[in-house]
Protein backbone atom coordinates (compact mmCIF):
# COMPACT_ATOMS: atom_id res chain seq x y z
CA MET A 1 47.25 22.97 234.25
CA THR A 2 45.93 21.57 237.49
CA GLU A 3 46.00 23.63 240.61
CA GLU A 4 48.56 21.11 242.16
CA ASN A 5 50.98 21.60 239.22
CA GLU A 6 50.70 25.35 239.52
CA ASN A 7 51.32 25.29 243.17
CA TRP A 8 54.52 23.39 243.07
CA LEU A 9 55.72 25.43 240.09
CA ASN A 10 55.08 28.70 241.77
CA GLU A 11 56.77 27.38 245.00
CA GLU A 12 59.89 26.35 242.95
CA LEU A 13 60.03 29.73 241.26
CA GLY A 14 59.83 31.41 244.61
CA GLN A 15 62.77 29.41 245.79
CA GLN A 16 65.01 30.38 242.79
CA SER A 17 67.31 33.29 243.35
CA THR A 18 68.33 35.43 240.42
CA HIS A 19 70.70 37.35 242.64
CA THR A 20 74.28 35.92 242.91
CA ASP A 21 76.98 37.46 244.99
CA TYR A 22 79.75 35.30 243.58
CA GLU A 23 81.81 36.14 240.38
CA GLN A 24 80.26 34.10 237.48
CA LEU A 25 83.20 31.97 236.36
CA PRO A 26 83.48 28.49 234.82
CA SER A 27 83.05 25.71 237.31
CA LEU A 28 86.10 23.62 238.09
CA LYS A 29 85.67 20.10 236.73
CA LEU A 30 88.21 17.67 237.99
CA THR A 31 88.94 14.36 236.34
CA PRO A 32 89.15 11.28 238.60
CA ASN A 33 92.75 10.00 239.16
CA VAL A 34 94.32 13.20 237.61
CA VAL A 35 96.36 15.54 239.81
CA VAL A 36 95.54 19.26 239.23
CA GLU A 37 97.46 22.18 240.62
CA LEU A 38 95.07 24.91 242.07
CA ILE A 39 95.83 28.43 243.22
CA ILE A 40 93.20 29.29 245.79
CA ASP A 41 92.17 32.88 246.31
CA PHE A 42 91.82 33.41 250.01
CA SER A 43 91.62 37.31 249.64
CA LYS A 44 87.93 37.44 250.63
CA PRO A 45 85.48 34.99 252.36
CA PHE A 46 84.06 32.29 250.03
CA GLU A 47 80.50 32.80 248.96
CA LYS A 48 77.89 30.43 250.04
CA TRP A 49 75.19 28.46 248.12
CA SER A 50 72.56 26.40 249.68
CA GLY A 51 69.93 24.20 248.01
CA GLU A 52 68.65 20.69 247.57
CA GLN A 53 70.32 17.72 245.93
CA ALA A 54 68.79 14.24 245.89
CA GLY A 55 66.21 15.44 248.40
CA LYS A 56 68.74 16.68 250.98
CA THR A 57 69.58 20.23 251.78
CA ILE A 58 73.24 21.09 251.23
CA VAL A 59 75.56 23.98 251.56
CA LYS A 60 78.44 24.63 249.28
CA LYS A 61 81.13 27.19 249.35
CA ILE A 62 82.20 28.78 246.04
CA ILE A 63 86.03 28.77 246.15
CA PRO A 64 87.71 30.98 243.54
CA VAL A 65 90.74 29.05 242.03
CA THR A 66 93.12 29.50 239.12
CA VAL A 67 94.14 26.52 237.10
CA ASN A 68 96.70 26.91 234.22
CA GLY A 69 96.02 30.67 234.26
CA THR A 70 92.21 30.36 234.06
CA LYS A 71 90.07 31.66 236.90
CA MET A 72 87.27 29.16 237.98
CA ASN A 73 84.86 28.50 240.83
CA TRP A 74 85.29 25.27 242.81
CA TRP A 75 81.94 24.32 244.35
CA VAL A 76 82.78 22.35 247.49
CA ASN A 77 80.22 20.89 249.95
CA VAL A 78 80.98 22.10 253.40
CA ALA A 79 80.41 18.62 254.67
CA ASN A 80 83.31 17.30 252.56
CA PRO A 81 86.43 16.90 254.69
CA ILE A 82 88.49 18.73 251.96
CA TYR A 83 86.78 21.92 252.93
CA ARG A 84 88.34 21.80 256.35
CA GLU A 85 91.68 21.19 254.78
CA ILE A 86 91.38 23.98 252.49
CA LEU A 87 90.60 26.34 255.32
CA ALA A 88 93.61 24.99 257.22
CA LEU A 89 95.81 25.69 254.24
CA GLY A 90 94.59 29.23 254.09
CA VAL A 91 95.43 29.66 257.83
CA ALA A 92 98.88 28.31 257.13
CA GLY A 93 99.36 30.77 254.27
CA ILE A 94 99.42 28.07 251.63
CA ASN A 95 97.45 28.98 248.53
CA THR A 96 98.93 26.61 245.89
CA VAL A 97 98.02 23.01 246.18
CA LYS A 98 97.81 19.80 244.08
CA VAL A 99 94.43 18.13 244.33
CA LEU A 100 93.54 14.47 243.33
CA GLN A 101 89.80 13.50 242.76
CA THR A 102 88.76 9.84 243.26
CA GLY A 103 85.32 8.65 242.52
CA THR A 104 82.42 10.45 240.99
CA GLN A 105 79.10 11.94 242.13
CA ALA A 106 78.24 10.81 245.65
CA ASN A 107 81.47 8.86 245.92
CA THR A 108 83.63 11.89 245.05
CA ARG A 109 86.66 12.21 247.37
CA TYR A 110 89.47 14.84 247.13
CA VAL A 111 92.95 14.43 248.42
CA ILE A 112 95.62 17.13 248.91
CA VAL A 113 98.77 15.75 247.24
CA LYS A 114 101.85 16.64 249.12
């Protein structure tokens, strides 16, 4: 192994965290163009995750939700407009919402269905 390989591998290991503060639950996987009803748990602040994706530093909030009786974590980028909407719903005392996903990956958009 070259010194260059060892350096980046050690740097990567140093950036990995084995400690997690959030409850380890299955991740919510929405299907494009399918409306899903979520019950959002606003009982405590959402946990934060930060890291890199596609060369950019991103911050996601880990939102605990229940879908059809199953507890899951919904990982939402704080830059996504849906995050602000979720916070506004919590302030309004609304914890059950219907969400529609359109697009995938970088083109993913979420809409609250009223």
